Amino acid sequence: MSSDTIRLRVESDITALPAAQWNACANPANVLDGIPQAKIENKPGNPFVSHEFLSALEESGTVSARTGWHPQHLVLEGEDGQPLAVCPAYLKSHSQGEYVFDHGWADAYERAGGQYYPKLQVSVPFTPATGPRLLTRPGAHAPTARRALAQGLATLCDMRGASSVHATFLTETDAAVFEAEGWLARIDQQFHWTNQGYGSFEDFLGELASRKRKVIRRERRDALANDIEIRWLTGKDITEADWDAFFAFYMETGSRKWGRPYLNRRFYSLIGERMADRILLVMARRAGRWIAGAINFIGSDTLYGRHWGCIEDHPFLHFEVCYHQAIDFAISRGLSTVEAGAQGEHKLARGYLPVTTRSAHFIADPGFREAVAAYLERERAYSQEAQAELATHAPFRQDTDEP
């Protein structure tokens, strides 16, 4: 692939690209001759980089220039005019909804007389889940296409007068591409559960230390006291009334936790229309009405937990709905991983272990870049030490003879 046969362009509306063209890059293993294989093989790929999810964010108005997320998607076209690669990118006037915090960088740069915003963000808005960002059709051109996208982002930064570009929750492959282009590497951690071929939740509990098993069993029992029942809703089982109930949970809990929830009611209707088979709602009912719920997205081998909410407080119900039920579902579907979202060392005691998350950062100002690089070197050392320390507190049995 030569530079004479390709061109980069910027799209401010993802719907300018047909879903089949975007998805052929975003989840190439699931598209054959333009036909989504997910419809016949039930292989959903990564749900968050799909055209269905990203377009729902834009069409609902959740993501827009008005909300400080101005789409600037890169499209790499071949000589036939067809997309070879795409990259979800946004010009931003703030640092909200990203989960990789750079508020301190912004403050330091502006105190030094610089202008941190606008900046470019390469991510899935409001979604702290690792996944591909340099999205390419399969083929020999893919490595070159990824590099071209990374270089294009740096050029776009200059064209838009942005201070920086931030690519977050990267796969190892994409992180390596950005690092090879001279971007600064950053690491953090999340807590993920890994399926070791368990046949049931009890099989999983059998791998835990005796005391940890007892704690989780008690949590699960107490969470369902007061005649609470749990239901899994996915696909056509999810109705608009269910979305109404879940949105009420989201607004109630999100307003207390974050101050201003990011997503609106229309977003949920759109994803319900377009990707219900890739959604799992874990809903809790008491006295004939829904009282709590968590939304999860189903990938090819991963269940992604996103947010939860409730209108009644019950001991341990959060742990049951968000963590234990997610494990149950993953085991039932043969999924290898549960990603339960950002932060939360309390997940460790429930079998979710620390894993490394990656981001990459292009800083246009050489002096500011040098300062950020020094900070990141110290931060990486601390993060690696903290992750190693946390791993020593894993709940799994150390002695295989332990009952």
Protein backbone atom coordinates (compact mmCIF):
# COMPACT_ATOMS: atom_id res chain seq x y z
CA MET A 1 0.00 0.00 0.00
CA SER A 2 1.62 3.27 -1.12
CA SER A 3 0.77 6.83 -0.16
CA ASP A 4 -0.22 7.42 -3.81
CA THR A 5 -3.18 5.04 -3.53
CA ILE A 6 -4.66 6.12 -0.19
CA ARG A 7 -6.05 9.26 1.36
CA LEU A 8 -7.19 10.31 4.81
CA ARG A 9 -10.35 12.27 5.42
CA VAL A 10 -12.24 13.42 8.51
CA GLU A 11 -15.94 12.74 9.11
CA SER A 12 -17.91 14.77 11.65
CA ASP A 13 -20.86 12.36 11.47
CA ILE A 14 -20.39 8.60 11.70
CA THR A 15 -23.57 8.00 9.70
CA ALA A 16 -21.74 9.41 6.66
CA LEU A 17 -20.23 5.93 6.50
CA PRO A 18 -22.57 2.97 5.96
CA ALA A 19 -22.62 0.62 8.93
CA ALA A 20 -21.26 -2.27 6.84
CA GLN A 21 -18.20 -0.24 5.80
CA TRP A 22 -17.41 0.90 9.35
CA ASN A 23 -18.00 -2.55 10.84
CA ALA A 24 -15.82 -4.21 8.22
CA CYS A 25 -12.97 -2.29 9.88
CA ALA A 26 -14.22 -2.32 13.48
CA ASN A 27 -14.99 -6.04 13.71
CA PRO A 28 -13.58 -7.54 10.50
CA ALA A 29 -13.87 -11.16 11.64
CA ASN A 30 -17.64 -10.72 11.78
CA VAL A 31 -18.15 -9.40 8.27
CA LEU A 32 -17.99 -11.52 5.15
CA ASP A 33 -18.75 -10.00 1.74
CA GLY A 34 -20.50 -7.11 3.49
CA ILE A 35 -22.83 -9.40 5.46
CA PRO A 36 -22.53 -9.21 9.26
CA GLN A 37 -21.75 -12.75 10.35
CA ALA A 38 -23.07 -11.90 13.81
CA LYS A 39 -26.53 -12.43 12.35
CA ILE A 40 -25.80 -16.04 11.47
CA GLU A 41 -22.97 -17.02 13.82
CA ASN A 42 -23.79 -14.92 16.89
CA LYS A 43 -20.28 -13.46 17.03
CA PRO A 44 -20.76 -9.89 18.21
CA GLY A 45 -17.10 -8.80 18.24
CA ASN A 46 -16.33 -5.68 20.26
CA PRO A 47 -19.70 -3.96 20.78
CA PHE A 48 -18.39 -0.50 21.63
CA VAL A 49 -16.52 0.23 18.40
CA SER A 50 -19.46 -0.96 16.31
CA HIS A 51 -21.29 1.50 14.11
CA GLU A 52 -24.47 0.68 16.04
CA PHE A 53 -23.10 1.82 19.39
CA LEU A 54 -21.19 4.88 18.20
CA SER A 55 -24.01 6.12 15.98
CA ALA A 56 -26.47 5.77 18.88
CA LEU A 57 -24.28 8.12 20.91
CA GLU A 58 -24.29 10.69 18.11
CA GLU A 59 -27.91 10.38 17.02
CA SER A 60 -29.16 10.66 20.60
CA GLY A 61 -27.27 13.94 21.00
CA THR A 62 -25.21 12.51 23.85
CA VAL A 63 -22.09 13.00 21.73
CA SER A 64 -21.99 16.27 19.78
CA ALA A 65 -20.10 19.52 19.49
CA ARG A 66 -22.64 20.98 21.93
CA THR A 67 -21.74 18.44 24.63
CA GLY A 68 -18.01 18.93 24.06
CA TRP A 69 -17.55 15.73 22.01
CA HIS A 70 -17.23 16.93 18.41
CA PRO A 71 -16.78 13.85 16.16
CA GLN A 72 -13.64 13.91 14.04
CA HIS A 73 -13.48 10.32 12.81
CA LEU A 74 -10.51 9.48 10.60
CA VAL A 75 -11.21 7.43 7.46
CA LEU A 76 -8.37 5.90 5.45
CA GLU A 77 -9.53 5.18 1.90
CA GLY A 78 -7.95 2.93 -0.71
CA GLU A 79 -7.71 3.67 -4.40
CA ASP A 80 -11.23 2.28 -4.90
CA GLY A 81 -12.64 4.81 -2.41
CA GLN A 82 -13.55 2.11 0.10
CA PRO A 83 -12.45 2.52 3.74
CA LEU A 84 -9.37 0.49 4.61
CA ALA A 85 -9.27 1.72 8.19
CA VAL A 86 -11.17 4.05 10.51
CA CYS A 87 -10.57 5.63 13.89
CA PRO A 88 -13.18 7.05 16.31
CA ALA A 89 -11.93 10.49 17.36
CA TYR A 90 -13.43 13.58 19.00
CA LEU A 91 -12.39 17.20 19.40
CA LYS A 92 -13.01 18.04 23.05
CA SER A 93 -13.44 21.18 25.12
CA HIS A 94 -13.20 19.37 28.48
CA SER A 95 -11.94 16.11 30.01
CA GLN A 96 -15.21 14.63 31.28
CA GLY A 97 -16.40 11.10 30.56
CA GLU A 98 -12.95 9.69 29.73
CA TYR A 99 -11.83 7.72 32.84
CA VAL A 100 -8.15 8.42 32.13
CA PHE A 101 -7.68 11.60 34.05
CA ASP A 102 -5.64 14.48 32.68
CA HIS A 103 -7.18 17.31 34.69
CA GLY A 104 -3.84 17.88 36.42
CA TRP A 105 -2.09 18.18 33.06
CA ALA A 106 -4.66 20.70 31.85
CA ASP A 107 -4.31 22.77 35.01
CA ALA A 108 -0.49 22.75 34.87
CA TYR A 109 -0.38 23.72 31.19
CA GLU A 110 -2.83 26.56 31.59
CA ARG A 111 -1.07 27.89 34.70
CA ALA A 112 2.09 27.98 32.57
CA GLY A 113 0.28 30.11 29.99
CA GLY A 114 -0.75 27.38 27.54
CA GLN A 115 -4.20 26.48 26.22
CA TYR A 116 -4.97 22.81 26.83
CA TYR A 117 -8.37 22.76 25.13
CA PRO A 118 -9.31 21.86 22.49
CA LYS A 119 -7.72 18.44 22.55
CA LEU A 120 -8.36 15.31 20.49
CA GLN A 121 -9.68 12.15 22.14
CA VAL A 122 -9.46 8.69 20.56
CA SER A 123 -11.85 6.58 22.56
CA VAL A 124 -15.39 5.31 22.98
CA PRO A 125 -17.15 8.10 24.89
CA PHE A 126 -18.13 7.33 28.48
CA THR A 127 -16.83 3.75 28.11
CA PRO A 128 -13.74 2.63 30.06
CA ALA A 129 -13.39 -0.67 28.20
CA THR A 130 -10.27 -1.88 26.41
CA GLY A 131 -10.71 -2.40 22.69
CA PRO A 132 -9.28 -1.60 19.27
CA ARG A 133 -9.04 2.05 18.25
CA LEU A 134 -7.04 1.83 15.00
CA LEU A 135 -9.69 -0.15 13.16
CA THR A 136 -8.56 -1.87 9.95
CA ARG A 137 -9.87 -4.29 7.40
CA PRO A 138 -7.88 -7.53 7.50
CA GLY A 139 -5.05 -7.93 5.03
CA ALA A 140 -1.39 -7.24 4.44
CA HIS A 141 -2.09 -3.52 4.49
CA ALA A 142 -3.27 -3.51 8.14
CA PRO A 143 0.04 -2.62 9.89
CA THR A 144 0.69 0.23 7.45
CA ALA A 145 -2.90 1.43 7.82
CA ARG A 146 -2.60 1.58 11.61
CA ARG A 147 0.55 3.67 11.32
CA ALA A 148 -1.14 5.96 8.81
CA LEU A 149 -4.02 6.55 11.23
CA ALA A 150 -1.64 7.34 14.09
CA GLN A 151 0.28 9.79 11.89
CA GLY A 152 -2.99 11.26 10.67
CA LEU A 153 -4.08 11.97 14.24
CA ALA A 154 -0.92 14.00 14.85
CA THR A 155 -1.58 15.96 11.65
CA LEU A 156 -5.21 16.52 12.66
CA CYS A 157 -4.03 17.82 16.04
CA ASP A 158 -2.05 20.52 14.25
CA MET A 159 -4.89 21.31 11.82
CA ARG A 160 -7.40 21.80 14.65
CA GLY A 161 -5.03 23.79 16.84
CA ALA A 162 -5.30 21.17 19.58
CA SER A 163 -2.77 20.83 22.37
CA SER A 164 -2.67 17.05 22.35
CA VAL A 165 -4.18 13.72 21.33
CA HIS A 166 -5.16 11.04 23.83
CA ALA A 167 -5.88 7.44 22.81
CA THR A 168 -7.30 5.51 25.74
CA PHE A 169 -8.09 1.92 26.76
CA LEU A 170 -5.90 0.53 24.00
CA THR A 171 -5.18 -3.02 22.98
CA GLU A 172 -1.52 -4.04 23.17
CA THR A 173 -1.34 -3.95 19.36
CA ASP A 174 -2.56 -0.37 19.10
CA ALA A 175 -0.46 0.76 22.07
CA ALA A 176 2.66 -0.55 20.30
CA VAL A 177 1.78 1.38 17.13
CA PHE A 178 1.44 4.66 19.01
CA GLU A 179 4.63 4.05 20.98
CA ALA A 180 6.52 3.39 17.74
CA GLU A 181 5.29 6.79 16.51
CA GLY A 182 6.80 8.45 19.59
CA TRP A 183 3.64 8.90 21.66
CA LEU A 184 3.93 8.79 25.44
CA ALA A 185 2.74 5.56 27.08
CA ARG A 186 0.57 5.51 30.18
CA ILE A 187 -0.68 2.54 32.20
CA ASP A 188 -3.35 2.07 34.81
CA GLN A 189 -5.37 -0.87 36.06
CA GLN A 190 -8.82 -2.37 36.17
CA PHE A 191 -10.19 -5.53 37.75
CA HIS A 192 -11.29 -8.34 35.41
CA TRP A 193 -12.62 -11.84 36.08
CA THR A 194 -11.21 -14.73 34.06
CA ASN A 195 -13.09 -17.92 33.27
CA GLN A 196 -10.89 -20.96 33.88
CA GLY A 197 -13.34 -23.32 32.21
CA TYR A 198 -15.79 -23.33 35.10
CA GLY A 199 -18.99 -25.30 34.70
CA SER A 200 -20.86 -23.31 37.32
CA PHE A 201 -20.52 -20.52 39.86
CA GLU A 202 -19.89 -23.18 42.50
CA ASP A 203 -16.93 -24.44 40.48
CA PHE A 204 -15.52 -20.92 40.57
CA LEU A 205 -16.12 -20.65 44.32
CA GLY A 206 -14.27 -23.92 44.76
CA GLU A 207 -11.08 -22.16 43.63
CA LEU A 208 -11.34 -19.54 46.37
CA ALA A 209 -9.97 -19.66 49.89
CA SER A 210 -12.53 -21.07 52.31
CA ARG A 211 -13.16 -17.77 54.08
CA LYS A 212 -13.71 -15.93 50.77
CA ARG A 213 -16.18 -18.60 49.62
CA LYS A 214 -18.22 -18.16 52.78
CA VAL A 215 -18.29 -14.38 52.40
CA ILE A 216 -19.55 -14.53 48.81
CA ARG A 217 -22.19 -17.15 49.61
CA ARG A 218 -23.46 -14.96 52.44
CA GLU A 219 -23.48 -11.90 50.18
CA ARG A 220 -25.51 -13.70 47.55
CA ARG A 221 -28.00 -14.99 50.12
CA ASP A 222 -28.41 -11.64 51.85
CA ALA A 223 -28.70 -9.72 48.56
CA LEU A 224 -31.86 -11.63 47.69
CA ALA A 225 -33.50 -11.25 51.08
CA ASN A 226 -36.77 -9.33 51.22
CA ASP A 227 -38.12 -11.45 48.35
CA ILE A 228 -35.87 -9.92 45.69
CA GLU A 229 -35.61 -11.84 42.42
CA ILE A 230 -33.08 -11.41 39.61
CA ARG A 231 -33.81 -11.68 35.88
CA TRP A 232 -31.57 -11.61 32.82
CA LEU A 233 -33.02 -9.68 29.90
CA THR A 234 -31.48 -9.71 26.44
CA GLY A 235 -32.61 -9.45 22.83
CA LYS A 236 -36.35 -9.20 22.27
CA ASP A 237 -37.02 -9.68 25.98
CA ILE A 238 -35.98 -6.05 26.60
CA THR A 239 -38.98 -3.74 26.26
CA GLU A 240 -39.28 0.04 26.30
CA ALA A 241 -40.82 -0.29 29.77
CA ASP A 242 -37.65 -2.07 30.89
CA TRP A 243 -35.57 0.76 29.45
CA ASP A 244 -37.77 3.28 31.28
CA ALA A 245 -37.08 1.48 34.55
CA PHE A 246 -33.36 1.14 33.91
CA PHE A 247 -33.02 4.79 32.92
CA ALA A 248 -34.66 5.79 36.20
CA PHE A 249 -32.03 3.72 38.04
CA TYR A 250 -29.26 5.30 35.98
CA MET A 251 -30.46 8.84 36.64
CA GLU A 252 -30.99 8.26 40.36
CA THR A 253 -27.61 6.67 41.02
CA GLY A 254 -25.69 8.67 38.41
CA SER A 255 -26.92 11.97 39.84
CA ARG A 256 -25.66 10.99 43.29
CA LYS A 257 -22.38 9.50 42.06
CA TRP A 258 -21.31 11.80 39.25
CA GLY A 259 -23.54 14.86 39.65
CA ARG A 260 -24.64 14.79 35.99
CA PRO A 261 -25.28 11.50 34.17
CA TYR A 262 -23.88 11.51 30.65
CA LEU A 263 -26.40 9.40 28.71
CA ASN A 264 -29.98 10.27 27.80
CA ARG A 265 -33.13 8.19 27.44
CA ARG A 266 -33.06 8.16 23.63
CA PHE A 267 -29.63 6.52 23.62
CA TYR A 268 -31.07 3.45 25.33
CA SER A 269 -33.93 3.16 22.86
CA LEU A 270 -31.47 3.33 19.96
CA ILE A 271 -29.17 0.61 21.28
CA GLY A 272 -32.25 -1.42 22.12
CA GLU A 273 -33.34 -1.20 18.48
CA ARG A 274 -29.91 -1.84 16.95
CA MET A 275 -27.99 -4.20 19.21
CA ALA A 276 -30.31 -5.77 21.77
CA ASP A 277 -28.76 -9.20 21.16
CA ARG A 278 -25.46 -7.75 22.39
CA ILE A 279 -26.98 -6.37 25.60
CA LEU A 280 -27.61 -8.05 28.93
CA LEU A 281 -29.74 -6.25 31.50
CA VAL A 282 -29.48 -7.79 34.95
CA MET A 283 -32.62 -6.58 36.68
CA ALA A 284 -33.79 -6.93 40.29
CA ARG A 285 -37.48 -7.03 41.14
CA ARG A 286 -39.28 -6.70 44.47
CA ALA A 287 -42.98 -6.47 45.23
CA GLY A 288 -43.87 -6.53 41.55
CA ARG A 289 -41.60 -3.72 40.31
CA TRP A 290 -38.02 -3.32 39.11
CA ILE A 291 -35.85 -1.78 41.84
CA ALA A 292 -32.28 -2.07 40.45
CA GLY A 293 -30.37 -3.08 37.37
CA ALA A 294 -27.02 -3.22 35.59
CA ILE A 295 -26.31 -3.00 31.87
CA ASN A 296 -23.71 -5.24 30.26
CA PHE A 297 -22.58 -5.61 26.65
CA ILE A 298 -21.75 -9.00 25.18
CA GLY A 299 -18.59 -9.37 23.12
CA SER A 300 -17.17 -12.39 21.32
CA ASP A 301 -15.36 -13.58 24.43
CA THR A 302 -15.97 -10.84 27.02
CA LEU A 303 -18.90 -9.54 29.03
CA TYR A 304 -18.48 -5.80 29.58
CA GLY A 305 -20.17 -4.43 32.69
CA ARG A 306 -21.03 -0.77 32.35
CA HIS A 307 -23.20 1.05 34.85
CA TRP A 308 -25.81 0.20 37.42
CA GLY A 309 -28.49 2.00 39.37
CA CYS A 310 -31.16 1.43 41.98
CA ILE A 311 -34.19 3.09 43.54
CA GLU A 312 -34.07 0.97 46.70
CA ASP A 313 -31.01 0.25 48.82
CA HIS A 314 -30.48 -3.36 49.91
CA PRO A 315 -27.29 -4.85 51.42
CA PHE A 316 -25.02 -6.50 48.86
CA LEU A 317 -27.48 -6.02 45.99
CA HIS A 318 -24.90 -4.00 44.05
CA PHE A 319 -22.35 -6.83 44.30
CA GLU A 320 -24.94 -9.41 43.26
CA VAL A 321 -26.32 -7.52 40.27
CA CYS A 322 -23.01 -6.20 38.95
CA TYR A 323 -20.40 -8.85 39.77
CA HIS A 324 -21.81 -12.23 40.80
CA GLN A 325 -24.54 -12.30 38.15
CA ALA A 326 -22.02 -11.24 35.50
CA ILE A 327 -19.85 -14.23 36.40
CA ASP A 328 -22.90 -16.51 36.29
CA PHE A 329 -23.79 -15.24 32.81
CA ALA A 330 -20.22 -15.50 31.49
CA ILE A 331 -19.99 -19.12 32.66
CA SER A 332 -23.34 -19.95 31.07
CA ARG A 333 -22.24 -18.43 27.73
CA GLY A 334 -18.67 -19.75 27.81
CA LEU A 335 -17.23 -16.21 27.83
CA SER A 336 -13.62 -15.97 28.89
CA THR A 337 -13.62 -12.59 30.66
CA VAL A 338 -15.78 -10.17 32.60
CA GLU A 339 -14.66 -6.54 32.50
CA ALA A 340 -16.51 -4.78 35.29
CA GLY A 341 -15.64 -1.18 34.47
CA ALA A 342 -13.30 1.37 35.99
CA GLN A 343 -11.75 1.44 39.44
CA GLY A 344 -13.00 -0.56 42.42
CA GLU A 345 -10.54 -2.48 44.57
CA HIS A 346 -13.58 -4.06 46.25
CA LYS A 347 -13.84 -6.26 43.15
CA LEU A 348 -10.67 -8.09 44.17
CA ALA A 349 -12.38 -10.03 46.97
CA ARG A 350 -14.99 -11.21 44.45
CA GLY A 351 -12.50 -12.84 42.10
CA TYR A 352 -11.75 -9.89 39.82
CA LEU A 353 -7.97 -9.53 39.48
CA PRO A 354 -5.89 -6.45 38.56
CA VAL A 355 -4.94 -6.12 34.90
CA THR A 356 -3.06 -3.40 33.07
CA THR A 357 -4.88 -0.84 30.92
CA ARG A 358 -3.03 1.28 28.37
CA SER A 359 -3.25 4.70 26.81
CA ALA A 360 -1.04 6.79 24.53
CA HIS A 361 -0.59 10.56 24.43
CA PHE A 362 0.70 12.93 21.77
CA ILE A 363 1.74 16.29 23.24
CA ALA A 364 2.40 19.00 20.65
CA ASP A 365 4.39 21.42 22.87
CA PRO A 366 7.94 19.99 23.27
CA GLY A 367 8.48 21.51 26.72
CA PHE A 368 5.14 20.28 28.03
CA ARG A 369 5.78 16.87 26.47
CA GLU A 370 9.01 16.57 28.42
CA ALA A 371 7.27 17.40 31.69
CA VAL A 372 4.45 14.90 31.06
CA ALA A 373 6.97 12.21 30.08
CA ALA A 374 8.78 12.62 33.41
CA TYR A 375 5.49 12.41 35.29
CA LEU A 376 4.41 9.28 33.41
CA GLU A 377 7.69 7.52 34.18
CA ARG A 378 7.07 8.00 37.91
CA GLU A 379 3.41 7.07 37.58
CA ARG A 380 4.21 3.83 35.73
CA ALA A 381 6.56 2.70 38.47
CA TYR A 382 3.93 3.38 41.11
CA SER A 383 1.18 1.63 39.11
CA GLN A 384 3.28 -1.48 38.59
CA GLU A 385 4.13 -1.68 42.28
CA ALA A 386 0.50 -1.17 43.30
CA GLN A 387 -0.73 -3.85 40.90
CA ALA A 388 1.84 -6.35 42.17
CA GLU A 389 0.80 -5.61 45.76
CA LEU A 390 -2.89 -6.01 44.99
CA ALA A 391 -2.27 -9.34 43.28
CA THR A 392 -0.95 -10.74 46.56
CA HIS A 393 -4.42 -10.21 48.07
CA ALA A 394 -6.23 -12.32 45.48
CA PRO A 395 -8.95 -14.51 47.01
CA PHE A 396 -7.85 -17.72 45.31
CA ARG A 397 -6.51 -20.68 47.24
CA GLN A 398 -2.77 -20.81 47.69
CA ASP A 399 -2.79 -24.39 49.01
CA THR A 400 -4.55 -26.82 46.67
CA ASP A 401 -5.25 -29.10 49.61
CA GLU A 402 -7.32 -26.47 51.39
CA PRO A 403 -10.94 -27.64 51.77
